[in-house]
Amino acid sequence: MSQSPALENNLTFYILGFVFVLIGIAFFLIPLLARSGALSGLKIPWIILYVYHSDGFYFATSPLLVIISLASLLLAFLRR
């Protein structure tokens, strides 16, 4: 028995949402781990994780995800 296309699209949407929730949790935890020093021994490339800290302020981001997001926004804008 095959699934309907609407159900397959919903399943893809749910999986994508779950992945985004996991990424959000990771971006919440990464600055906390960086502040505690747990990430100091890891050799994570700067393109994957960039942590900025100054006077007790910690900011963590992924330049790779920013580039992918900007490219997808540009592609969506150009397709209109």
Protein backbone atom coordinates (compact mmCIF):
# COMPACT_ATOMS: atom_id res chain seq x y z
CA MET A 1 0.00 0.00 0.00
CA SER A 2 1.58 3.35 -1.00
CA GLN A 3 1.23 6.57 0.91
CA SER A 4 -0.51 9.59 -0.53
CA PRO A 5 1.70 12.47 -1.79
CA ALA A 6 0.21 14.81 0.81
CA LEU A 7 1.29 12.48 3.62
CA GLU A 8 4.82 12.21 2.19
CA ASN A 9 5.07 16.01 1.98
CA ASN A 10 3.89 16.31 5.58
CA LEU A 11 6.42 13.73 6.73
CA THR A 12 9.21 15.63 4.99
CA PHE A 13 7.99 18.84 6.60
CA TYR A 14 7.94 17.23 10.06
CA ILE A 15 11.44 15.79 9.65
CA LEU A 16 12.76 19.16 8.47
CA GLY A 17 11.12 20.83 11.49
CA PHE A 18 12.69 18.29 13.83
CA VAL A 19 16.12 18.92 12.30
CA PHE A 20 15.68 22.68 12.78
CA VAL A 21 14.69 22.14 16.42
CA LEU A 22 17.85 20.08 16.96
CA ILE A 23 19.96 22.79 15.32
CA GLY A 24 18.30 25.38 17.56
CA ILE A 25 19.07 23.36 20.67
CA ALA A 26 22.67 22.98 19.52
CA PHE A 27 23.03 26.73 18.96
CA PHE A 28 21.62 27.33 22.43
CA LEU A 29 24.05 24.89 24.06
CA ILE A 30 27.21 25.78 22.11
CA PRO A 31 27.76 29.21 23.76
CA LEU A 32 27.16 27.65 27.17
CA LEU A 33 29.73 24.95 26.43
CA ALA A 34 32.16 27.53 25.07
CA ARG A 35 31.79 29.64 28.20
CA SER A 36 32.50 26.65 30.43
CA GLY A 37 35.59 25.75 28.42
CA ALA A 38 34.30 22.37 27.28
CA LEU A 39 34.98 23.21 23.61
CA SER A 40 38.50 24.54 24.14
CA GLY A 41 40.18 21.19 23.39
CA LEU A 42 38.22 20.53 20.21
CA LYS A 43 39.60 21.58 16.86
CA ILE A 44 36.42 22.74 15.11
CA PRO A 45 37.07 24.65 11.86
CA TRP A 46 36.00 28.31 12.00
CA ILE A 47 33.74 27.88 8.96
CA ILE A 48 31.62 25.41 10.96
CA LEU A 49 31.65 27.14 14.35
CA TYR A 50 32.78 30.67 15.17
CA VAL A 51 32.69 31.74 18.82
CA TYR A 52 33.21 35.39 19.73
CA HIS A 53 33.71 36.32 23.36
CA SER A 54 34.45 39.65 24.97
CA ASP A 55 33.92 40.82 28.56
CA GLY A 56 31.61 37.95 29.51
CA PHE A 57 29.60 38.12 26.26
CA TYR A 58 29.62 34.95 24.16
CA PHE A 59 28.28 34.71 20.61
CA ALA A 60 28.43 31.52 18.58
CA THR A 61 27.45 31.15 14.95
CA SER A 62 28.17 29.05 11.92
CA PRO A 63 29.44 31.02 8.93
CA LEU A 64 28.66 28.01 6.74
CA LEU A 65 24.99 28.07 7.76
CA VAL A 66 24.85 31.83 7.23
CA ILE A 67 26.26 31.41 3.70
CA ILE A 68 23.80 28.60 2.91
CA SER A 69 20.90 30.68 4.27
CA LEU A 70 21.85 33.72 2.23
CA ALA A 71 22.25 31.60 -0.90
CA SER A 72 18.83 30.00 -0.40
CA LEU A 73 17.21 33.40 0.15
CA LEU A 74 18.88 34.75 -2.98
CA LEU A 75 17.78 31.71 -4.97
CA ALA A 76 14.19 32.06 -3.71
CA PHE A 77 14.21 35.75 -4.56
CA LEU A 78 15.57 35.16 -8.07
CA ARG A 79 12.99 32.43 -8.82
CA ARG A 80 10.10 34.87 -8.35
